Amino acid sequence: MTGWVIRLLLLYFVLRALLRLWRGIVEGMNPAPPAPPAAVPLARDPVCGTFVVPARALTGGTGADMKYFCSENCRRTYEAKLAP
């Protein structure tokens, strides 16, 4: 009885290894590699230098003078430097 269990386990592992080998060969033959994710433009926080995504960042200023901040603390620090 023990001999059959060992043979079945051995057969299972051999078949599993062959299946993984076959899948690797098929995947390697795929001519088109997956496309890299699209790049997202980043803006640099003028206070601490952290790069932030403009769509999610806090902003200050208008038009061409628009600044992007990573936190409310950085925005307050920047505004305090501009105040007379």
PDB file of N, CA and C in Angstrom:
ATOM      1  N   MET A   1       0.820  -1.199   0.000  1.00  0.00           N
ATOM      2  CA  MET A   1       0.000   0.000   0.000  1.00  0.00           C
ATOM      3  C   MET A   1       0.860   1.258   0.000  1.00  0.00           C
ATOM      4  N   THR A   2       1.883   1.286   0.807  1.00  0.00           N
ATOM      5  CA  THR A   2       2.763   2.444   0.888  1.00  0.00           C
ATOM      6  C   THR A   2       3.470   2.678  -0.443  1.00  0.00           C
ATOM      7  N   GLY A   3       3.798   1.611  -1.138  1.00  0.00           N
ATOM      8  CA  GLY A   3       4.465   1.729  -2.433  1.00  0.00           C
ATOM      9  C   GLY A   3       3.593   2.444  -3.447  1.00  0.00           C
ATOM     10  N   TRP A   4       2.301   2.188  -3.445  1.00  0.00           N
ATOM     11  CA  TRP A   4       1.382   2.851  -4.378  1.00  0.00           C
ATOM     12  C   TRP A   4       1.236   4.337  -4.062  1.00  0.00           C
ATOM     13  N   VAL A   5       1.205   4.653  -2.814  1.00  0.00           N
ATOM     14  CA  VAL A   5       1.090   6.063  -2.414  1.00  0.00           C
ATOM     15  C   VAL A   5       2.323   6.831  -2.869  1.00  0.00           C
ATOM     16  N   ILE A   6       3.492   6.236  -2.679  1.00  0.00           N
ATOM     17  CA  ILE A   6       4.730   6.890  -3.094  1.00  0.00           C
ATOM     18  C   ILE A   6       4.756   7.042  -4.607  1.00  0.00           C
ATOM     19  N   ARG A   7       4.336   6.039  -5.350  1.00  0.00           N
ATOM     20  CA  ARG A   7       4.312   6.114  -6.814  1.00  0.00           C
ATOM     21  C   ARG A   7       3.328   7.182  -7.294  1.00  0.00           C
ATOM     22  N   LEU A   8       2.170   7.265  -6.664  1.00  0.00           N
ATOM     23  CA  LEU A   8       1.193   8.283  -7.054  1.00  0.00           C
ATOM     24  C   LEU A   8       1.717   9.694  -6.773  1.00  0.00           C
ATOM     25  N   LEU A   9       2.350   9.871  -5.636  1.00  0.00           N
ATOM     26  CA  LEU A   9       2.935  11.173  -5.316  1.00  0.00           C
ATOM     27  C   LEU A   9       4.044  11.532  -6.305  1.00  0.00           C
ATOM     28  N   LEU A  10       4.883  10.571  -6.634  1.00  0.00           N
ATOM     29  CA  LEU A  10       5.946  10.807  -7.597  1.00  0.00           C
ATOM     30  C   LEU A  10       5.363  11.162  -8.966  1.00  0.00           C
ATOM     31  N   LEU A  11       4.330  10.445  -9.392  1.00  0.00           N
ATOM     32  CA  LEU A  11       3.676  10.733 -10.661  1.00  0.00           C
ATOM     33  C   LEU A  11       3.062  12.141 -10.643  1.00  0.00           C
ATOM     34  N   TYR A  12       2.441  12.501  -9.543  1.00  0.00           N
ATOM     35  CA  TYR A  12       1.844  13.829  -9.411  1.00  0.00           C
ATOM     36  C   TYR A  12       2.901  14.919  -9.579  1.00  0.00           C
ATOM     37  N   PHE A  13       4.042  14.803  -8.885  1.00  0.00           N
ATOM     38  CA  PHE A  13       5.077  15.825  -8.949  1.00  0.00           C
ATOM     39  C   PHE A  13       5.741  15.878 -10.322  1.00  0.00           C
ATOM     40  N   VAL A  14       5.910  14.745 -10.976  1.00  0.00           N
ATOM     41  CA  VAL A  14       6.496  14.742 -12.321  1.00  0.00           C
ATOM     42  C   VAL A  14       5.549  15.417 -13.310  1.00  0.00           C
ATOM     43  N   LEU A  15       4.261  15.096 -13.248  1.00  0.00           N
ATOM     44  CA  LEU A  15       3.293  15.726 -14.144  1.00  0.00           C
ATOM     45  C   LEU A  15       3.188  17.227 -13.884  1.00  0.00           C
ATOM     46  N   ARG A  16       3.239  17.608 -12.641  1.00  0.00           N
ATOM     47  CA  ARG A  16       3.172  19.025 -12.298  1.00  0.00           C
ATOM     48  C   ARG A  16       4.392  19.779 -12.837  1.00  0.00           C
ATOM     49  N   ALA A  17       5.572  19.171 -12.722  1.00  0.00           N
ATOM     50  CA  ALA A  17       6.784  19.805 -13.245  1.00  0.00           C
ATOM     51  C   ALA A  17       6.725  19.925 -14.762  1.00  0.00           C
ATOM     52  N   LEU A  18       6.231  18.882 -15.438  1.00  0.00           N
ATOM     53  CA  LEU A  18       6.112  18.936 -16.896  1.00  0.00           C
ATOM     54  C   LEU A  18       5.111  20.014 -17.334  1.00  0.00           C
ATOM     55  N   LEU A  19       4.015  20.156 -16.611  1.00  0.00           N
ATOM     56  CA  LEU A  19       3.031  21.174 -16.924  1.00  0.00           C
ATOM     57  C   LEU A  19       3.623  22.577 -16.758  1.00  0.00           C
ATOM     58  N   ARG A  20       4.372  22.808 -15.701  1.00  0.00           N
ATOM     59  CA  ARG A  20       5.018  24.114 -15.502  1.00  0.00           C
ATOM     60  C   ARG A  20       6.045  24.393 -16.592  1.00  0.00           C
ATOM     61  N   LEU A  21       6.782  23.365 -16.997  1.00  0.00           N
ATOM     62  CA  LEU A  21       7.745  23.523 -18.082  1.00  0.00           C
ATOM     63  C   LEU A  21       7.027  23.908 -19.366  1.00  0.00           C
ATOM     64  N   TRP A  22       5.931  23.244 -19.669  1.00  0.00           N
ATOM     65  CA  TRP A  22       5.171  23.541 -20.886  1.00  0.00           C
ATOM     66  C   TRP A  22       4.620  24.972 -20.860  1.00  0.00           C
ATOM     67  N   ARG A  23       4.083  25.380 -19.741  1.00  0.00           N
ATOM     68  CA  ARG A  23       3.561  26.749 -19.622  1.00  0.00           C
ATOM     69  C   ARG A  23       4.665  27.786 -19.800  1.00  0.00           C
ATOM     70  N   GLY A  24       5.850  27.514 -19.270  1.00  0.00           N
ATOM     71  CA  GLY A  24       6.975  28.423 -19.436  1.00  0.00           C
ATOM     72  C   GLY A  24       7.409  28.542 -20.887  1.00  0.00           C
ATOM     73  N   ILE A  25       7.403  27.422 -21.608  1.00  0.00           N
ATOM     74  CA  ILE A  25       7.768  27.443 -23.024  1.00  0.00           C
ATOM     75  C   ILE A  25       6.748  28.245 -23.818  1.00  0.00           C
ATOM     76  N   VAL A  26       5.466  28.013 -23.565  1.00  0.00           N
ATOM     77  CA  VAL A  26       4.412  28.739 -24.282  1.00  0.00           C
ATOM     78  C   VAL A  26       4.489  30.230 -23.969  1.00  0.00           C
ATOM     79  N   GLU A  27       4.715  30.578 -22.726  1.00  0.00           N
ATOM     80  CA  GLU A  27       4.805  31.989 -22.343  1.00  0.00           C
ATOM     81  C   GLU A  27       6.032  32.642 -22.978  1.00  0.00           C
ATOM     82  N   GLY A  28       7.134  31.918 -23.068  1.00  0.00           N
ATOM     83  CA  GLY A  28       8.342  32.451 -23.678  1.00  0.00           C
ATOM     84  C   GLY A  28       8.209  32.662 -25.170  1.00  0.00           C
ATOM     85  N   MET A  29       7.296  31.964 -25.812  1.00  0.00           N
ATOM     86  CA  MET A  29       7.102  32.097 -27.246  1.00  0.00           C
ATOM     87  C   MET A  29       6.168  33.254 -27.590  1.00  0.00           C
ATOM     88  N   ASN A  30       5.593  33.890 -26.611  1.00  0.00           N
ATOM     89  CA  ASN A  30       4.694  35.016 -26.835  1.00  0.00           C
ATOM     90  C   ASN A  30       5.480  36.168 -27.461  1.00  0.00           C
ATOM     91  N   PRO A  31       5.139  36.608 -28.675  1.00  0.00           N
ATOM     92  CA  PRO A  31       5.939  37.635 -29.355  1.00  0.00           C
ATOM     93  C   PRO A  31       5.803  39.031 -28.772  1.00  0.00           C
ATOM     94  N   ALA A  32       4.698  39.357 -28.129  1.00  0.00           N
ATOM     95  CA  ALA A  32       4.481  40.709 -27.627  1.00  0.00           C
ATOM     96  C   ALA A  32       4.627  40.738 -26.108  1.00  0.00           C
ATOM     97  N   PRO A  33       5.698  41.372 -25.604  1.00  0.00           N
ATOM     98  CA  PRO A  33       5.800  41.505 -24.143  1.00  0.00           C
ATOM     99  C   PRO A  33       4.746  42.483 -23.648  1.00  0.00           C
ATOM    100  N   PRO A  34       4.346  42.376 -22.402  1.00  0.00           N
ATOM    101  CA  PRO A  34       3.327  43.300 -21.887  1.00  0.00           C
ATOM    102  C   PRO A  34       3.840  44.738 -21.921  1.00  0.00           C
ATOM    103  N   ALA A  35       2.935  45.649 -22.214  1.00  0.00           N
ATOM    104  CA  ALA A  35       3.290  47.064 -22.302  1.00  0.00           C
ATOM    105  C   ALA A  35       3.552  47.619 -20.910  1.00  0.00           C
ATOM    106  N   PRO A  36       4.581  48.469 -20.774  1.00  0.00           N
ATOM    107  CA  PRO A  36       4.835  49.081 -19.469  1.00  0.00           C
ATOM    108  C   PRO A  36       3.720  50.062 -19.125  1.00  0.00           C
ATOM    109  N   PRO A  37       3.493  50.304 -17.851  1.00  0.00           N
ATOM    110  CA  PRO A  37       2.443  51.252 -17.471  1.00  0.00           C
ATOM    111  C   PRO A  37       2.785  52.665 -17.949  1.00  0.00           C
ATOM    112  N   ALA A  38       1.752  53.430 -18.189  1.00  0.00           N
ATOM    113  CA  ALA A  38       1.938  54.802 -18.676  1.00  0.00           C
ATOM    114  C   ALA A  38       2.612  55.653 -17.600  1.00  0.00           C
ATOM    115  N   ALA A  39       3.497  56.520 -18.036  1.00  0.00           N
ATOM    116  CA  ALA A  39       4.203  57.406 -17.109  1.00  0.00           C
ATOM    117  C   ALA A  39       3.275  58.530 -16.646  1.00  0.00           C
ATOM    118  N   VAL A  40       3.430  58.922 -15.408  1.00  0.00           N
ATOM    119  CA  VAL A  40       2.632  60.003 -14.836  1.00  0.00           C
ATOM    120  C   VAL A  40       3.571  61.182 -14.580  1.00  0.00           C
ATOM    121  N   PRO A  41       3.243  62.368 -15.098  1.00  0.00           N
ATOM    122  CA  PRO A  41       4.110  63.520 -14.833  1.00  0.00           C
ATOM    123  C   PRO A  41       4.055  63.890 -13.349  1.00  0.00           C
ATOM    124  N   LEU A  42       5.195  64.265 -12.807  1.00  0.00           N
ATOM    125  CA  LEU A  42       5.284  64.619 -11.397  1.00  0.00           C
ATOM    126  C   LEU A  42       5.702  66.073 -11.254  1.00  0.00           C
ATOM    127  N   ALA A  43       5.342  66.647 -10.127  1.00  0.00           N
ATOM    128  CA  ALA A  43       5.750  68.012  -9.790  1.00  0.00           C
ATOM    129  C   ALA A  43       6.517  67.949  -8.477  1.00  0.00           C
ATOM    130  N   ARG A  44       7.467  68.856  -8.319  1.00  0.00           N
ATOM    131  CA  ARG A  44       8.294  68.851  -7.111  1.00  0.00           C
ATOM    132  C   ARG A  44       7.794  69.892  -6.119  1.00  0.00           C
ATOM    133  N   ASP A  45       7.644  69.458  -4.880  1.00  0.00           N
ATOM    134  CA  ASP A  45       7.247  70.356  -3.797  1.00  0.00           C
ATOM    135  C   ASP A  45       8.392  71.342  -3.558  1.00  0.00           C
ATOM    136  N   PRO A  46       8.138  72.672  -3.615  1.00  0.00           N
ATOM    137  CA  PRO A  46       9.224  73.647  -3.471  1.00  0.00           C
ATOM    138  C   PRO A  46       9.789  73.744  -2.055  1.00  0.00           C
ATOM    139  N   VAL A  47       9.108  73.183  -1.065  1.00  0.00           N
ATOM    140  CA  VAL A  47       9.580  73.282   0.316  1.00  0.00           C
ATOM    141  C   VAL A  47      10.461  72.089   0.684  1.00  0.00           C
ATOM    142  N   CYS A  48       9.925  70.884   0.564  1.00  0.00           N
ATOM    143  CA  CYS A  48      10.660  69.707   1.016  1.00  0.00           C
ATOM    144  C   CYS A  48      11.282  68.910  -0.131  1.00  0.00           C
ATOM    145  N   GLY A  49      10.904  69.195  -1.385  1.00  0.00           N
ATOM    146  CA  GLY A  49      11.501  68.517  -2.522  1.00  0.00           C
ATOM    147  C   GLY A  49      10.871  67.193  -2.889  1.00  0.00           C
ATOM    148  N   THR A  50       9.786  66.824  -2.229  1.00  0.00           N
ATOM    149  CA  THR A  50       9.089  65.579  -2.536  1.00  0.00           C
ATOM    150  C   THR A  50       8.389  65.697  -3.878  1.00  0.00           C
ATOM    151  N   PHE A  51       8.442  64.625  -4.666  1.00  0.00           N
ATOM    152  CA  PHE A  51       7.719  64.607  -5.933  1.00  0.00           C
ATOM    153  C   PHE A  51       6.286  64.166  -5.674  1.00  0.00           C
ATOM    154  N   VAL A  52       5.333  64.890  -6.253  1.00  0.00           N
ATOM    155  CA  VAL A  52       3.908  64.599  -6.050  1.00  0.00           C
ATOM    156  C   VAL A  52       3.202  64.530  -7.400  1.00  0.00           C
ATOM    157  N   VAL A  53       2.100  63.785  -7.435  1.00  0.00           N
ATOM    158  CA  VAL A  53       1.253  63.737  -8.624  1.00  0.00           C
ATOM    159  C   VAL A  53       0.385  64.986  -8.605  1.00  0.00           C
ATOM    160  N   PRO A  54       0.458  65.826  -9.636  1.00  0.00           N
ATOM    161  CA  PRO A  54      -0.285  67.094  -9.606  1.00  0.00           C
ATOM    162  C   PRO A  54      -1.786  66.939  -9.377  1.00  0.00           C
ATOM    163  N   ALA A  55      -2.384  65.865  -9.860  1.00  0.00           N
ATOM    164  CA  ALA A  55      -3.825  65.685  -9.693  1.00  0.00           C
ATOM    165  C   ALA A  55      -4.204  65.441  -8.236  1.00  0.00           C
ATOM    166  N   ARG A  56      -3.265  64.963  -7.429  1.00  0.00           N
ATOM    167  CA  ARG A  56      -3.564  64.652  -6.019  1.00  0.00           C
ATOM    168  C   ARG A  56      -2.903  65.614  -5.043  1.00  0.00           C
ATOM    169  N   ALA A  57      -2.131  66.556  -5.547  1.00  0.00           N
ATOM    170  CA  ALA A  57      -1.375  67.449  -4.678  1.00  0.00           C
ATOM    171  C   ALA A  57      -2.198  68.655  -4.261  1.00  0.00           C
ATOM    172  N   LEU A  58      -1.777  69.280  -3.174  1.00  0.00           N
ATOM    173  CA  LEU A  58      -2.339  70.565  -2.762  1.00  0.00           C
ATOM    174  C   LEU A  58      -1.680  71.632  -3.615  1.00  0.00           C
ATOM    175  N   THR A  59      -2.434  72.654  -3.983  1.00  0.00           N
ATOM    176  CA  THR A  59      -1.897  73.674  -4.881  1.00  0.00           C
ATOM    177  C   THR A  59      -1.882  75.036  -4.214  1.00  0.00           C
ATOM    178  N   GLY A  60      -1.048  75.889  -4.763  1.00  0.00           N
ATOM    179  CA  GLY A  60      -0.979  77.271  -4.323  1.00  0.00           C
ATOM    180  C   GLY A  60      -0.575  78.120  -5.509  1.00  0.00           C
ATOM    181  N   GLY A  61      -1.127  79.312  -5.623  1.00  0.00           N
ATOM    182  CA  GLY A  61      -0.824  80.181  -6.751  1.00  0.00           C
ATOM    183  C   GLY A  61      -1.812  79.967  -7.885  1.00  0.00           C
ATOM    184  N   THR A  62      -1.596  80.712  -8.967  1.00  0.00           N
ATOM    185  CA  THR A  62      -2.479  80.606 -10.116  1.00  0.00           C
ATOM    186  C   THR A  62      -1.669  80.633 -11.400  1.00  0.00           C
ATOM    187  N   GLY A  63      -2.239  80.103 -12.467  1.00  0.00           N
ATOM    188  CA  GLY A  63      -1.638  80.153 -13.801  1.00  0.00           C
ATOM    189  C   GLY A  63      -0.251  79.545 -13.845  1.00  0.00           C
ATOM    190  N   ALA A  64       0.698  80.318 -14.418  1.00  0.00           N
ATOM    191  CA  ALA A  64       2.069  79.831 -14.562  1.00  0.00           C
ATOM    192  C   ALA A  64       2.794  79.784 -13.222  1.00  0.00           C
ATOM    193  N   ASP A  65       2.259  80.463 -12.210  1.00  0.00           N
ATOM    194  CA  ASP A  65       2.878  80.492 -10.883  1.00  0.00           C
ATOM    195  C   ASP A  65       2.319  79.398  -9.967  1.00  0.00           C
ATOM    196  N   MET A  66       1.668  78.381 -10.540  1.00  0.00           N
ATOM    197  CA  MET A  66       1.059  77.295  -9.752  1.00  0.00           C
ATOM    198  C   MET A  66       2.147  76.441  -9.106  1.00  0.00           C
ATOM    199  N   LYS A  67       2.041  76.227  -7.815  1.00  0.00           N
ATOM    200  CA  LYS A  67       2.968  75.380  -7.065  1.00  0.00           C
ATOM    201  C   LYS A  67       2.190  74.193  -6.515  1.00  0.00           C
ATOM    202  N   TYR A  68       2.847  73.049  -6.422  1.00  0.00           N
ATOM    203  CA  TYR A  68       2.225  71.819  -5.929  1.00  0.00           C
ATOM    204  C   TYR A  68       2.924  71.404  -4.641  1.00  0.00           C
ATOM    205  N   PHE A  69       2.108  71.043  -3.634  1.00  0.00           N
ATOM    206  CA  PHE A  69       2.638  70.715  -2.313  1.00  0.00           C
ATOM    207  C   PHE A  69       2.193  69.316  -1.883  1.00  0.00           C
ATOM    208  N   CYS A  70       3.062  68.655  -1.103  1.00  0.00           N
ATOM    209  CA  CYS A  70       2.740  67.302  -0.635  1.00  0.00           C
ATOM    210  C   CYS A  70       1.851  67.333   0.601  1.00  0.00           C
ATOM    211  N   SER A  71       1.883  68.422   1.351  1.00  0.00           N
ATOM    212  CA  SER A  71       1.084  68.492   2.572  1.00  0.00           C
ATOM    213  C   SER A  71       0.692  69.941   2.862  1.00  0.00           C
ATOM    214  N   GLU A  72      -0.251  70.072   3.749  1.00  0.00           N
ATOM    215  CA  GLU A  72      -0.706  71.397   4.166  1.00  0.00           C
ATOM    216  C   GLU A  72       0.423  72.125   4.900  1.00  0.00           C
ATOM    217  N   ASN A  73       1.240  71.407   5.639  1.00  0.00           N
ATOM    218  CA  ASN A  73       2.359  72.007   6.352  1.00  0.00           C
ATOM    219  C   ASN A  73       3.349  72.648   5.378  1.00  0.00           C
ATOM    220  N   CYS A  74       3.654  71.973   4.274  1.00  0.00           N
ATOM    221  CA  CYS A  74       4.563  72.541   3.273  1.00  0.00           C
ATOM    222  C   CYS A  74       3.944  73.775   2.625  1.00  0.00           C
ATOM    223  N   ARG A  75       2.653  73.734   2.356  1.00  0.00           N
ATOM    224  CA  ARG A  75       2.002  74.893   1.742  1.00  0.00           C
ATOM    225  C   ARG A  75       2.043  76.100   2.686  1.00  0.00           C
ATOM    226  N   ARG A  76       1.780  75.865   3.965  1.00  0.00           N
ATOM    227  CA  ARG A  76       1.831  76.968   4.941  1.00  0.00           C
ATOM    228  C   ARG A  76       3.250  77.525   5.070  1.00  0.00           C
ATOM    229  N   THR A  77       4.232  76.658   5.068  1.00  0.00           N
ATOM    230  CA  THR A  77       5.637  77.102   5.165  1.00  0.00           C
ATOM    231  C   THR A  77       6.003  77.954   3.972  1.00  0.00           C
ATOM    232  N   TYR A  78       5.583  77.549   2.790  1.00  0.00           N
ATOM    233  CA  TYR A  78       5.871  78.310   1.561  1.00  0.00           C
ATOM    234  C   TYR A  78       5.180  79.679   1.607  1.00  0.00           C
ATOM    235  N   GLU A  79       3.917  79.698   2.010  1.00  0.00           N
ATOM    236  CA  GLU A  79       3.185  80.953   2.084  1.00  0.00           C
ATOM    237  C   GLU A  79       3.769  81.879   3.143  1.00  0.00           C
ATOM    238  N   ALA A  80       4.292  81.301   4.240  1.00  0.00           N
ATOM    239  CA  ALA A  80       4.901  82.123   5.292  1.00  0.00           C
ATOM    240  C   ALA A  80       6.176  82.775   4.788  1.00  0.00           C
ATOM    241  N   LYS A  81       6.925  82.094   3.924  1.00  0.00           N
ATOM    242  CA  LYS A  81       8.142  82.682   3.359  1.00  0.00           C
ATOM    243  C   LYS A  81       7.814  83.835   2.414  1.00  0.00           C
ATOM    244  N   LEU A  82       6.668  83.784   1.740  1.00  0.00           N
ATOM    245  CA  LEU A  82       6.280  84.840   0.795  1.00  0.00           C
ATOM    246  C   LEU A  82       5.703  86.052   1.497  1.00  0.00           C
ATOM    247  N   ALA A  83       5.128  85.854   2.679  1.00  0.00           N
ATOM    248  CA  ALA A  83       4.491  86.958   3.409  1.00  0.00           C
ATOM    249  C   ALA A  83       5.554  87.947   3.893  1.00  0.00           C
ATOM    250  N   PRO A  84       5.237  89.240   3.841  1.00  0.00           N
ATOM    251  CA  PRO A  84       6.226  90.262   4.270  1.00  0.00           C
ATOM    252  C   PRO A  84       6.443  90.299   5.741  1.00  0.00           C
TER     253      PRO A  84
END
